[in-house]
N, C-alpha and C. Protein backbone atom coordinates (compact mmCIF):
# COMPACT_ATOMS: atom_id res chain seq x y z
N UNK A 1 0.83 -1.20 0.00
CA UNK A 1 0.00 0.00 0.00
C UNK A 1 0.87 1.26 0.00
N UNK A 2 2.04 1.18 0.65
CA UNK A 2 2.93 2.35 0.67
C UNK A 2 3.37 2.72 -0.74
N UNK A 3 3.65 1.71 -1.57
CA UNK A 3 4.08 1.98 -2.94
C UNK A 3 2.97 2.66 -3.73
N UNK A 4 1.73 2.17 -3.59
CA UNK A 4 0.61 2.78 -4.29
C UNK A 4 0.38 4.21 -3.81
N UNK A 5 0.47 4.42 -2.48
CA UNK A 5 0.28 5.78 -1.95
C UNK A 5 1.36 6.72 -2.46
N UNK A 6 2.61 6.23 -2.52
CA UNK A 6 3.70 7.07 -3.03
C UNK A 6 3.46 7.42 -4.49
N UNK A 7 3.07 6.43 -5.29
CA UNK A 7 2.88 6.66 -6.72
C UNK A 7 1.72 7.62 -6.97
N UNK A 8 0.64 7.47 -6.24
CA UNK A 8 -0.54 8.30 -6.47
C UNK A 8 -0.53 9.60 -5.67
N UNK A 9 0.45 9.77 -4.78
CA UNK A 9 0.48 10.97 -3.95
C UNK A 9 -0.66 10.98 -2.95
N UNK A 10 -0.86 9.88 -2.25
CA UNK A 10 -1.98 9.74 -1.32
C UNK A 10 -1.49 9.74 0.12
N UNK A 11 -2.36 10.17 1.03
CA UNK A 11 -2.07 10.16 2.45
C UNK A 11 -3.28 9.61 3.20
N UNK A 12 -3.03 9.08 4.39
CA UNK A 12 -4.10 8.69 5.30
C UNK A 12 -4.24 9.79 6.34
N UNK A 13 -5.45 10.27 6.56
CA UNK A 13 -5.64 11.46 7.39
C UNK A 13 -6.66 11.24 8.49
N UNK A 14 -6.55 12.09 9.51
CA UNK A 14 -7.54 12.21 10.57
C UNK A 14 -7.89 13.68 10.70
N UNK A 15 -9.16 13.99 10.85
CA UNK A 15 -9.62 15.37 11.01
C UNK A 15 -10.20 15.56 12.40
N UNK A 16 -10.04 16.76 12.93
CA UNK A 16 -10.63 17.12 14.22
C UNK A 16 -11.04 18.59 14.17
N UNK A 17 -12.13 18.91 14.85
CA UNK A 17 -12.58 20.30 14.95
C UNK A 17 -13.38 20.46 16.24
N UNK A 18 -13.75 21.69 16.57
CA UNK A 18 -14.49 21.95 17.79
C UNK A 18 -15.91 21.41 17.73
N UNK A 19 -16.39 21.06 16.56
CA UNK A 19 -17.77 20.59 16.42
C UNK A 19 -17.93 19.13 16.85
N UNK A 20 -16.81 18.39 16.94
CA UNK A 20 -16.89 16.97 17.28
C UNK A 20 -15.83 16.62 18.31
N UNK A 21 -16.11 15.62 19.11
CA UNK A 21 -15.14 15.14 20.07
C UNK A 21 -14.23 14.11 19.40
N UNK A 22 -12.95 14.23 19.64
CA UNK A 22 -12.01 13.28 19.09
C UNK A 22 -11.70 13.51 17.63
N UNK A 23 -10.97 12.55 17.05
CA UNK A 23 -10.56 12.64 15.65
C UNK A 23 -11.32 11.61 14.82
N UNK A 24 -11.55 11.95 13.56
CA UNK A 24 -12.22 11.05 12.63
C UNK A 24 -11.25 10.69 11.51
N UNK A 25 -11.07 9.39 11.29
CA UNK A 25 -10.16 8.93 10.24
C UNK A 25 -10.89 8.91 8.91
N UNK A 26 -10.24 9.43 7.89
CA UNK A 26 -10.80 9.41 6.54
C UNK A 26 -10.27 8.20 5.79
N UNK A 27 -10.72 8.03 4.58
CA UNK A 27 -10.10 7.07 3.69
C UNK A 27 -8.86 7.71 3.08
N UNK A 28 -8.36 7.14 1.99
CA UNK A 28 -7.20 7.71 1.32
C UNK A 28 -7.58 9.02 0.65
N UNK A 29 -6.71 10.01 0.79
CA UNK A 29 -6.89 11.30 0.14
C UNK A 29 -5.73 11.54 -0.81
N UNK A 30 -6.03 11.95 -2.03
CA UNK A 30 -5.00 12.29 -3.01
C UNK A 30 -4.63 13.75 -2.85
N UNK A 31 -3.34 14.03 -2.73
CA UNK A 31 -2.86 15.40 -2.54
C UNK A 31 -2.45 15.96 -3.90
N UNK A 32 -3.07 17.07 -4.28
CA UNK A 32 -2.75 17.74 -5.53
C UNK A 32 -2.53 19.23 -5.25
N UNK A 33 -1.90 19.93 -6.20
CA UNK A 33 -1.64 21.36 -6.02
C UNK A 33 -2.16 22.14 -7.20
N UNK A 34 -2.63 23.35 -6.91
CA UNK A 34 -3.12 24.24 -7.95
C UNK A 34 -1.95 25.02 -8.54
N UNK A 35 -2.24 25.82 -9.57
CA UNK A 35 -1.20 26.66 -10.18
C UNK A 35 -0.68 27.71 -9.20
N UNK A 36 -1.47 28.01 -8.16
CA UNK A 36 -1.06 28.98 -7.14
C UNK A 36 -0.37 28.31 -5.95
N UNK A 37 -0.02 27.03 -6.11
CA UNK A 37 0.66 26.25 -5.08
C UNK A 37 -0.21 26.04 -3.84
N UNK A 38 -1.52 26.04 -4.01
CA UNK A 38 -2.43 25.67 -2.94
C UNK A 38 -2.74 24.18 -3.08
N UNK A 39 -2.76 23.47 -1.94
CA UNK A 39 -2.99 22.04 -2.06
C UNK A 39 -4.48 21.72 -1.99
N UNK A 40 -4.83 20.65 -2.67
CA UNK A 40 -6.21 20.18 -2.74
C UNK A 40 -6.23 18.71 -2.32
N UNK A 41 -7.21 18.34 -1.50
CA UNK A 41 -7.36 16.95 -1.06
C UNK A 41 -8.57 16.34 -1.77
N UNK A 42 -8.34 15.26 -2.50
CA UNK A 42 -9.41 14.59 -3.24
C UNK A 42 -9.64 13.20 -2.66
N UNK A 43 -10.85 12.91 -2.20
CA UNK A 43 -11.12 11.56 -1.67
C UNK A 43 -10.94 10.50 -2.75
N UNK A 44 -10.23 9.43 -2.41
CA UNK A 44 -10.04 8.31 -3.33
C UNK A 44 -11.03 7.21 -2.93
N UNK A 45 -12.28 7.40 -3.29
CA UNK A 45 -13.32 6.45 -2.89
C UNK A 45 -14.44 7.16 -2.15
N UNK A 46 -15.14 6.42 -1.30
CA UNK A 46 -16.27 6.98 -0.57
C UNK A 46 -15.81 7.94 0.52
N UNK A 47 -16.66 8.90 0.83
CA UNK A 47 -16.35 9.89 1.88
C UNK A 47 -17.57 10.05 2.77
N UNK A 48 -17.36 9.97 4.08
CA UNK A 48 -18.45 10.11 5.05
C UNK A 48 -18.95 11.55 5.07
N UNK A 49 -20.27 11.74 5.19
CA UNK A 49 -20.85 13.08 5.22
C UNK A 49 -20.40 13.88 6.43
N UNK A 50 -19.91 13.20 7.47
CA UNK A 50 -19.50 13.90 8.68
C UNK A 50 -18.33 14.84 8.40
N UNK A 51 -17.55 14.55 7.36
CA UNK A 51 -16.39 15.40 7.07
C UNK A 51 -16.81 16.78 6.58
N UNK A 52 -17.95 16.85 5.91
CA UNK A 52 -18.46 18.16 5.49
C UNK A 52 -18.76 19.02 6.72
N UNK A 53 -19.29 18.39 7.76
CA UNK A 53 -19.57 19.11 9.01
C UNK A 53 -18.29 19.56 9.69
N UNK A 54 -17.28 18.70 9.67
CA UNK A 54 -16.00 19.06 10.28
C UNK A 54 -15.37 20.24 9.54
N UNK A 55 -15.34 20.17 8.22
CA UNK A 55 -14.71 21.23 7.43
C UNK A 55 -15.49 22.53 7.51
N UNK A 56 -16.81 22.44 7.71
CA UNK A 56 -17.63 23.65 7.81
C UNK A 56 -17.30 24.47 9.05
N UNK A 57 -16.61 23.85 10.01
CA UNK A 57 -16.26 24.59 11.23
C UNK A 57 -15.24 25.68 10.96
N UNK A 58 -14.53 25.58 9.85
CA UNK A 58 -13.55 26.63 9.51
C UNK A 58 -12.16 26.29 9.95
N UNK A 59 -11.92 26.15 11.25
CA UNK A 59 -10.60 25.80 11.77
C UNK A 59 -10.56 24.29 12.01
N UNK A 60 -9.71 23.63 11.26
CA UNK A 60 -9.66 22.17 11.28
C UNK A 60 -8.23 21.71 11.54
N UNK A 61 -8.09 20.72 12.41
CA UNK A 61 -6.78 20.11 12.63
C UNK A 61 -6.71 18.83 11.81
N UNK A 62 -5.66 18.70 11.03
CA UNK A 62 -5.49 17.50 10.20
C UNK A 62 -4.19 16.79 10.58
N UNK A 63 -4.31 15.53 10.89
CA UNK A 63 -3.15 14.67 11.13
C UNK A 63 -3.04 13.70 9.97
N UNK A 64 -1.84 13.51 9.44
CA UNK A 64 -1.72 12.62 8.28
C UNK A 64 -0.43 11.81 8.33
N UNK A 65 -0.50 10.64 7.76
CA UNK A 65 0.66 9.75 7.64
C UNK A 65 1.12 9.71 6.19
N UNK A 66 2.39 9.92 5.97
CA UNK A 66 2.95 9.84 4.62
C UNK A 66 3.44 8.41 4.35
N UNK A 67 3.53 8.02 3.08
CA UNK A 67 4.05 6.68 2.77
C UNK A 67 5.46 6.50 3.32
N UNK A 68 5.70 5.35 3.93
CA UNK A 68 7.00 5.08 4.53
C UNK A 68 8.04 4.80 3.44
N UNK A 69 9.12 5.58 3.46
CA UNK A 69 10.14 5.48 2.41
C UNK A 69 10.76 4.10 2.33
N UNK A 70 11.07 3.49 3.46
CA UNK A 70 11.71 2.18 3.44
C UNK A 70 10.80 1.14 2.80
N UNK A 71 9.51 1.22 3.10
CA UNK A 71 8.59 0.20 2.59
C UNK A 71 8.29 0.39 1.11
N UNK A 72 8.04 1.66 0.68
CA UNK A 72 7.70 1.80 -0.74
C UNK A 72 8.92 1.59 -1.63
N UNK A 73 10.12 1.93 -1.14
CA UNK A 73 11.30 1.74 -1.98
C UNK A 73 11.65 0.26 -2.12
N UNK A 74 11.48 -0.53 -1.04
CA UNK A 74 11.76 -1.96 -1.15
C UNK A 74 10.69 -2.65 -2.00
N UNK A 75 9.45 -2.15 -1.94
CA UNK A 75 8.38 -2.69 -2.79
C UNK A 75 8.68 -2.40 -4.26
N UNK A 76 9.20 -1.21 -4.53
CA UNK A 76 9.57 -0.85 -5.89
C UNK A 76 10.74 -1.72 -6.37
N UNK A 77 11.70 -1.96 -5.49
CA UNK A 77 12.83 -2.83 -5.84
C UNK A 77 12.34 -4.24 -6.18
N UNK A 78 11.36 -4.72 -5.43
CA UNK A 78 10.80 -6.05 -5.71
C UNK A 78 10.19 -6.08 -7.11
N UNK A 79 9.46 -5.02 -7.47
CA UNK A 79 8.87 -4.95 -8.81
C UNK A 79 9.94 -4.99 -9.89
N UNK A 80 11.03 -4.25 -9.67
CA UNK A 80 12.13 -4.22 -10.64
C UNK A 80 12.76 -5.61 -10.76
N UNK A 81 13.02 -6.23 -9.64
CA UNK A 81 13.66 -7.55 -9.65
C UNK A 81 12.79 -8.58 -10.38
N UNK A 82 11.50 -8.62 -10.06
CA UNK A 82 10.61 -9.57 -10.72
C UNK A 82 10.50 -9.28 -12.21
N UNK A 83 10.48 -7.99 -12.57
CA UNK A 83 10.41 -7.62 -13.99
C UNK A 83 11.65 -8.11 -14.74
N UNK A 84 12.82 -7.95 -14.13
CA UNK A 84 14.05 -8.42 -14.76
C UNK A 84 14.06 -9.94 -14.92
N UNK A 85 13.53 -10.64 -13.90
CA UNK A 85 13.47 -12.10 -13.99
C UNK A 85 12.50 -12.55 -15.08
N UNK A 86 11.39 -11.82 -15.23
CA UNK A 86 10.44 -12.13 -16.30
C UNK A 86 11.09 -11.93 -17.67
N UNK A 87 11.87 -10.87 -17.78
CA UNK A 87 12.47 -10.52 -19.07
C UNK A 87 13.69 -11.37 -19.39
N UNK A 88 14.53 -11.65 -18.38
CA UNK A 88 15.81 -12.30 -18.65
C UNK A 88 15.98 -13.64 -17.94
N UNK A 89 14.96 -14.18 -17.33
CA UNK A 89 15.04 -15.37 -16.49
C UNK A 89 15.68 -14.95 -15.16
N UNK A 90 15.88 -15.88 -14.26
CA UNK A 90 16.41 -15.55 -12.94
C UNK A 90 17.81 -14.97 -13.08
N UNK A 91 17.98 -13.75 -12.62
CA UNK A 91 19.27 -13.08 -12.78
C UNK A 91 20.23 -13.50 -11.67
N UNK A 92 21.52 -13.46 -12.00
CA UNK A 92 22.56 -13.89 -11.07
C UNK A 92 23.59 -12.78 -10.91
N UNK A 93 24.45 -12.93 -9.92
CA UNK A 93 25.52 -11.96 -9.69
C UNK A 93 25.39 -11.27 -8.35
N UNK A 94 26.41 -10.50 -7.97
CA UNK A 94 26.40 -9.82 -6.66
C UNK A 94 25.19 -8.91 -6.46
N UNK A 95 24.82 -8.14 -7.51
CA UNK A 95 23.67 -7.23 -7.38
C UNK A 95 22.40 -8.01 -7.09
N UNK A 96 22.17 -9.08 -7.85
CA UNK A 96 20.97 -9.90 -7.65
C UNK A 96 20.98 -10.56 -6.27
N UNK A 97 22.16 -11.02 -5.83
CA UNK A 97 22.25 -11.65 -4.51
C UNK A 97 21.87 -10.66 -3.41
N UNK A 98 22.35 -9.41 -3.53
CA UNK A 98 22.03 -8.41 -2.52
C UNK A 98 20.55 -8.05 -2.55
N UNK A 99 19.98 -7.96 -3.75
CA UNK A 99 18.55 -7.67 -3.87
C UNK A 99 17.74 -8.75 -3.18
N UNK A 100 18.07 -10.01 -3.44
CA UNK A 100 17.34 -11.11 -2.81
C UNK A 100 17.48 -11.06 -1.29
N UNK A 101 18.68 -10.72 -0.81
CA UNK A 101 18.89 -10.61 0.64
C UNK A 101 18.04 -9.49 1.23
N UNK A 102 17.97 -8.35 0.53
CA UNK A 102 17.15 -7.22 1.02
C UNK A 102 15.67 -7.58 1.03
N UNK A 103 15.21 -8.28 -0.01
CA UNK A 103 13.80 -8.66 -0.07
C UNK A 103 13.45 -9.66 1.02
N UNK A 104 14.34 -10.60 1.29
CA UNK A 104 14.10 -11.57 2.35
C UNK A 104 14.09 -10.88 3.71
N UNK A 105 14.98 -9.91 3.91
CA UNK A 105 15.01 -9.18 5.18
C UNK A 105 13.71 -8.42 5.39
N UNK A 106 13.17 -7.84 4.32
CA UNK A 106 11.89 -7.14 4.43
C UNK A 106 10.76 -8.11 4.71
N UNK A 107 10.78 -9.26 4.04
CA UNK A 107 9.73 -10.27 4.26
C UNK A 107 9.74 -10.79 5.69
N UNK A 108 10.93 -10.97 6.26
CA UNK A 108 11.06 -11.56 7.59
C UNK A 108 11.01 -10.54 8.72
N UNK A 109 10.81 -9.27 8.41
CA UNK A 109 10.73 -8.25 9.45
C UNK A 109 9.55 -8.56 10.37
N UNK A 110 9.71 -8.40 11.69
CA UNK A 110 8.62 -8.74 12.62
C UNK A 110 7.37 -7.89 12.45
N UNK A 111 7.52 -6.69 11.88
CA UNK A 111 6.36 -5.82 11.67
C UNK A 111 6.67 -4.85 10.53
N UNK A 112 5.63 -4.17 10.04
CA UNK A 112 5.83 -3.18 8.98
C UNK A 112 6.79 -2.09 9.42
N UNK A 113 6.72 -1.73 10.70
CA UNK A 113 7.58 -0.66 11.21
C UNK A 113 9.05 -1.07 11.26
N UNK A 114 9.30 -2.38 11.25
CA UNK A 114 10.68 -2.88 11.38
C UNK A 114 11.32 -3.25 10.06
N UNK A 115 10.67 -2.93 8.94
CA UNK A 115 11.27 -3.24 7.63
C UNK A 115 12.60 -2.48 7.50
N UNK A 116 13.71 -3.18 7.27
CA UNK A 116 15.00 -2.49 7.20
C UNK A 116 15.16 -1.73 5.89
N UNK A 117 16.00 -0.71 5.92
CA UNK A 117 16.28 0.07 4.72
C UNK A 117 17.15 -0.74 3.77
N UNK A 118 16.97 -0.50 2.47
CA UNK A 118 17.78 -1.14 1.44
C UNK A 118 18.59 -0.07 0.72
N UNK A 119 19.91 -0.23 0.71
CA UNK A 119 20.76 0.74 0.04
C UNK A 119 20.52 0.73 -1.47
N UNK A 120 20.27 -0.45 -2.03
CA UNK A 120 19.98 -0.53 -3.46
C UNK A 120 18.68 0.19 -3.77
N UNK A 121 17.65 -0.04 -2.96
CA UNK A 121 16.36 0.62 -3.19
C UNK A 121 16.49 2.13 -3.06
N UNK A 122 17.31 2.58 -2.13
CA UNK A 122 17.47 4.02 -1.90
C UNK A 122 18.09 4.71 -3.10
N UNK A 123 18.86 3.98 -3.90
CA UNK A 123 19.59 4.59 -5.01
C UNK A 123 19.00 4.25 -6.38
N UNK A 124 17.74 3.79 -6.39
CA UNK A 124 17.08 3.58 -7.68
C UNK A 124 16.80 4.92 -8.35
N UNK A 125 16.97 4.95 -9.66
CA UNK A 125 16.65 6.15 -10.43
C UNK A 125 15.27 5.93 -11.05
N UNK A 126 14.30 6.73 -10.63
CA UNK A 126 12.90 6.48 -10.99
C UNK A 126 12.32 7.67 -11.74
N UNK A 127 11.65 7.39 -12.85
CA UNK A 127 10.93 8.40 -13.61
C UNK A 127 9.52 7.89 -13.86
N UNK A 128 8.54 8.80 -13.76
CA UNK A 128 7.14 8.39 -13.92
C UNK A 128 6.47 9.19 -15.02
N UNK A 129 5.61 8.51 -15.77
CA UNK A 129 4.84 9.18 -16.81
C UNK A 129 3.38 9.29 -16.39
N UNK A 130 2.78 10.46 -16.60
CA UNK A 130 1.40 10.69 -16.19
C UNK A 130 0.52 11.06 -17.37
N UNK A 131 0.87 10.60 -18.56
CA UNK A 131 0.04 10.86 -19.72
C UNK A 131 -1.28 10.12 -19.64
N UNK A 132 -2.23 10.48 -20.49
CA UNK A 132 -3.54 9.82 -20.45
C UNK A 132 -3.47 8.34 -20.79
N UNK A 133 -2.47 7.95 -21.57
CA UNK A 133 -2.31 6.55 -21.95
C UNK A 133 -0.88 6.09 -21.63
N UNK A 134 -0.70 4.82 -21.26
CA UNK A 134 0.66 4.31 -21.04
C UNK A 134 1.46 4.34 -22.34
N UNK A 135 2.77 4.40 -22.21
CA UNK A 135 3.64 4.46 -23.38
C UNK A 135 3.67 3.17 -24.16
N UNK A 136 3.32 2.06 -23.53
CA UNK A 136 3.23 0.77 -24.19
C UNK A 136 2.24 -0.09 -23.42
N UNK A 137 1.63 -1.03 -24.11
CA UNK A 137 0.69 -1.93 -23.44
C UNK A 137 1.39 -3.12 -22.81
N UNK A 138 2.68 -3.31 -23.12
CA UNK A 138 3.43 -4.43 -22.55
C UNK A 138 3.68 -4.19 -21.07
N UNK A 139 3.52 -5.22 -20.22
CA UNK A 139 3.73 -5.02 -18.79
C UNK A 139 5.18 -4.74 -18.42
N UNK A 140 6.11 -5.34 -19.18
CA UNK A 140 7.54 -5.16 -18.89
C UNK A 140 8.30 -5.02 -20.20
N UNK A 141 9.08 -3.96 -20.34
CA UNK A 141 9.97 -3.81 -21.49
C UNK A 141 11.27 -3.18 -21.01
N UNK A 142 12.38 -3.56 -21.64
CA UNK A 142 13.63 -2.86 -21.38
C UNK A 142 13.59 -1.54 -22.15
N UNK A 143 14.21 -0.52 -21.59
CA UNK A 143 14.12 0.80 -22.21
C UNK A 143 15.40 1.57 -21.96
N UNK A 144 15.62 2.57 -22.80
CA UNK A 144 16.75 3.49 -22.65
C UNK A 144 16.19 4.90 -22.59
N UNK A 145 16.51 5.62 -21.53
CA UNK A 145 16.05 6.99 -21.35
C UNK A 145 17.18 7.94 -21.73
N UNK A 146 16.89 8.88 -22.64
CA UNK A 146 17.89 9.84 -23.08
C UNK A 146 17.64 11.18 -22.39
N UNK A 147 18.66 11.69 -21.70
CA UNK A 147 18.53 12.96 -20.99
C UNK A 147 19.73 13.84 -21.21
N UNK A 148 19.73 15.00 -20.54
CA UNK A 148 20.83 15.95 -20.69
C UNK A 148 22.14 15.39 -20.15
N UNK A 149 22.05 14.50 -19.16
CA UNK A 149 23.25 13.96 -18.54
C UNK A 149 23.66 12.62 -19.15
N UNK A 150 23.05 12.25 -20.28
CA UNK A 150 23.41 11.00 -20.93
C UNK A 150 22.23 10.05 -20.99
N UNK A 151 22.51 8.77 -21.18
CA UNK A 151 21.46 7.77 -21.31
C UNK A 151 21.39 6.90 -20.07
N UNK A 152 20.20 6.41 -19.79
CA UNK A 152 19.97 5.50 -18.68
C UNK A 152 19.31 4.24 -19.22
N UNK A 153 19.88 3.09 -18.89
CA UNK A 153 19.27 1.82 -19.27
C UNK A 153 18.47 1.30 -18.09
N UNK A 154 17.29 0.77 -18.39
CA UNK A 154 16.46 0.27 -17.31
C UNK A 154 15.27 -0.50 -17.83
N UNK A 155 14.24 -0.53 -17.02
CA UNK A 155 13.04 -1.29 -17.34
C UNK A 155 11.83 -0.37 -17.19
N UNK A 156 10.86 -0.53 -18.09
CA UNK A 156 9.62 0.25 -18.06
C UNK A 156 8.50 -0.67 -17.61
N UNK A 157 7.85 -0.33 -16.49
CA UNK A 157 6.78 -1.15 -15.93
C UNK A 157 5.43 -0.54 -16.26
N UNK A 158 4.53 -1.36 -16.80
CA UNK A 158 3.15 -0.96 -17.10
C UNK A 158 3.08 0.27 -17.99
N UNK A 159 4.15 0.55 -18.72
CA UNK A 159 4.16 1.68 -19.63
C UNK A 159 4.20 3.03 -18.96
N UNK A 160 4.44 3.08 -17.65
CA UNK A 160 4.39 4.36 -16.93
C UNK A 160 5.57 4.59 -15.98
N UNK A 161 6.20 3.54 -15.52
CA UNK A 161 7.22 3.69 -14.48
C UNK A 161 8.55 3.17 -15.00
N UNK A 162 9.52 4.09 -15.18
CA UNK A 162 10.85 3.72 -15.66
C UNK A 162 11.80 3.69 -14.48
N UNK A 163 12.51 2.57 -14.34
CA UNK A 163 13.51 2.43 -13.27
C UNK A 163 14.81 1.98 -13.89
N UNK A 164 15.86 2.76 -13.67
CA UNK A 164 17.18 2.39 -14.19
C UNK A 164 17.85 1.43 -13.23
N UNK A 165 18.51 0.40 -13.77
CA UNK A 165 19.23 -0.51 -12.89
C UNK A 165 20.65 -0.02 -12.60
N UNK A 166 21.02 1.12 -13.16
CA UNK A 166 22.28 1.76 -12.79
C UNK A 166 22.01 2.70 -11.62
N UNK A 167 22.60 2.47 -10.45
CA UNK A 167 22.29 3.30 -9.29
C UNK A 167 22.74 4.74 -9.47
N UNK A 168 21.98 5.65 -8.90
CA UNK A 168 22.37 7.05 -8.94
C UNK A 168 23.50 7.29 -7.95
N UNK A 169 24.18 8.42 -8.10
CA UNK A 169 25.26 8.75 -7.20
C UNK A 169 24.70 9.06 -5.81
N UNK A 170 25.58 9.06 -4.84
CA UNK A 170 25.16 9.33 -3.47
C UNK A 170 24.52 10.71 -3.35
N UNK A 171 25.00 11.68 -4.13
CA UNK A 171 24.45 13.04 -4.07
C UNK A 171 23.01 13.09 -4.54
N UNK A 172 22.61 12.16 -5.43
CA UNK A 172 21.27 12.17 -5.98
C UNK A 172 20.39 11.05 -5.42
N UNK A 173 20.92 10.29 -4.46
CA UNK A 173 20.13 9.20 -3.88
C UNK A 173 18.97 9.76 -3.07
N UNK A 174 17.88 9.01 -3.07
CA UNK A 174 16.71 9.43 -2.30
C UNK A 174 17.02 9.34 -0.82
N UNK A 175 16.56 10.31 -0.06
CA UNK A 175 16.74 10.31 1.38
C UNK A 175 15.38 10.35 2.04
N UNK A 176 15.16 9.52 3.04
CA UNK A 176 13.86 9.51 3.70
C UNK A 176 13.55 10.85 4.34
N UNK A 177 12.30 11.29 4.18
CA UNK A 177 11.87 12.49 4.87
C UNK A 177 11.48 12.15 6.29
N UNK A 178 10.86 13.07 6.95
CA UNK A 178 10.40 12.83 8.31
C UNK A 178 9.37 11.70 8.31
N UNK A 179 9.58 10.70 9.16
CA UNK A 179 8.71 9.53 9.20
C UNK A 179 7.71 9.68 10.34
N UNK A 180 6.51 9.16 10.11
CA UNK A 180 5.50 9.19 11.16
C UNK A 180 4.40 10.18 10.87
N UNK A 181 3.59 10.42 11.91
CA UNK A 181 2.44 11.30 11.75
C UNK A 181 2.85 12.77 11.82
N UNK A 182 2.14 13.59 11.08
CA UNK A 182 2.35 15.03 11.11
C UNK A 182 1.01 15.70 11.34
N UNK A 183 1.04 16.83 12.00
CA UNK A 183 -0.20 17.54 12.34
C UNK A 183 -0.11 18.96 11.83
N UNK A 184 -1.19 19.44 11.21
CA UNK A 184 -1.25 20.81 10.75
C UNK A 184 -2.64 21.36 10.97
N UNK A 185 -2.74 22.68 11.09
CA UNK A 185 -4.03 23.34 11.25
C UNK A 185 -4.39 24.05 9.96
N UNK A 186 -5.63 23.85 9.50
CA UNK A 186 -6.08 24.44 8.25
C UNK A 186 -7.22 25.42 8.52
N UNK A 187 -7.25 26.49 7.76
CA UNK A 187 -8.38 27.42 7.76
C UNK A 187 -9.15 27.14 6.48
N UNK A 188 -10.35 26.61 6.63
CA UNK A 188 -11.15 26.19 5.49
C UNK A 188 -11.98 27.36 5.00
N UNK A 189 -11.91 27.63 3.70
CA UNK A 189 -12.65 28.75 3.11
C UNK A 189 -14.03 28.35 2.65
N UNK A 190 -14.59 29.15 1.77
CA UNK A 190 -15.94 28.92 1.26
C UNK A 190 -15.98 27.65 0.42
N UNK A 191 -16.97 26.78 0.64
CA UNK A 191 -17.07 25.56 -0.15
C UNK A 191 -17.23 25.87 -1.63
N UNK A 192 -16.66 25.02 -2.48
CA UNK A 192 -16.79 25.16 -3.93
C UNK A 192 -17.40 23.89 -4.50
N UNK A 193 -18.13 24.04 -5.58
CA UNK A 193 -18.75 22.90 -6.24
C UNK A 193 -18.24 22.83 -7.67
N UNK A 194 -17.81 21.64 -8.08
CA UNK A 194 -17.31 21.47 -9.44
C UNK A 194 -17.33 19.99 -9.79
N UNK A 195 -17.03 19.71 -11.03
CA UNK A 195 -16.96 18.34 -11.52
C UNK A 195 -15.53 18.06 -11.95
N UNK A 196 -14.92 17.02 -11.39
CA UNK A 196 -13.56 16.63 -11.74
C UNK A 196 -13.63 15.65 -12.91
N UNK A 197 -13.02 16.02 -14.03
CA UNK A 197 -13.03 15.14 -15.20
C UNK A 197 -11.74 14.36 -15.36
N UNK A 198 -10.64 14.87 -14.80
CA UNK A 198 -9.36 14.16 -14.88
C UNK A 198 -8.43 14.72 -13.83
N UNK A 199 -7.55 13.87 -13.32
CA UNK A 199 -6.58 14.28 -12.31
C UNK A 199 -5.22 13.77 -12.74
N UNK A 200 -4.25 14.66 -12.86
CA UNK A 200 -2.90 14.29 -13.24
C UNK A 200 -1.95 14.65 -12.10
N UNK A 201 -1.34 13.67 -11.42
CA UNK A 201 -0.41 13.99 -10.34
C UNK A 201 0.78 14.77 -10.87
N UNK A 202 1.33 15.65 -10.04
CA UNK A 202 2.50 16.41 -10.44
C UNK A 202 3.72 15.51 -10.40
N UNK A 203 4.67 15.64 -11.35
CA UNK A 203 5.88 14.83 -11.32
C UNK A 203 6.66 15.10 -10.05
N UNK A 204 7.19 14.03 -9.44
CA UNK A 204 7.96 14.20 -8.22
C UNK A 204 9.17 13.30 -8.28
N UNK A 205 10.22 13.69 -7.58
CA UNK A 205 11.39 12.85 -7.48
C UNK A 205 11.13 11.80 -6.41
N UNK A 206 11.82 10.64 -6.47
CA UNK A 206 11.53 9.56 -5.55
C UNK A 206 12.11 9.77 -4.17
N UNK A 207 11.64 10.80 -3.46
CA UNK A 207 12.07 11.02 -2.09
C UNK A 207 10.96 10.63 -1.15
N UNK A 208 11.32 10.40 0.10
CA UNK A 208 10.32 9.96 1.07
C UNK A 208 9.53 11.12 1.60
């Protein structure tokens, strides 16, 4: 779930206001930003009517959990490893041995909170496409990405997610952000009514 939340830019939230006692947990909310850099929260699924009452209070406290960097990066590494095995059969060598060791360590962790960090996962070079259609219908293809700094060889998953198997330098490696729950206070303005026809997440670098 952490990998899906990271990819879609989703958070799990709790709302509180003076109109209700305690906090109310929402479903998944997609975080998007306007051209004025104001953030918008879009429910990903059903939404309880009680949240309209909470937001109508004006001053709202929101607590939210961000996707855990260790978990989504190791999940992404697993996808890359399986994709390579599908394309080239079971891969061998020091890199593959370390990947398998990292995946086993994550599998055997006593809890989600105890999943160990993977150095290989931390240094994956990830690019995402958010076009209306995937770049290819094939689930797994090898690909070469051409950029200003040269070419990157890697694998394209589901026509949208490119991951290079050449690790990025330490200066460009992803670093986990603050882990755990965060709390912020929002001033809710006048309600607006509209119809959402499409949502395109903003491109982001693979940081926690």
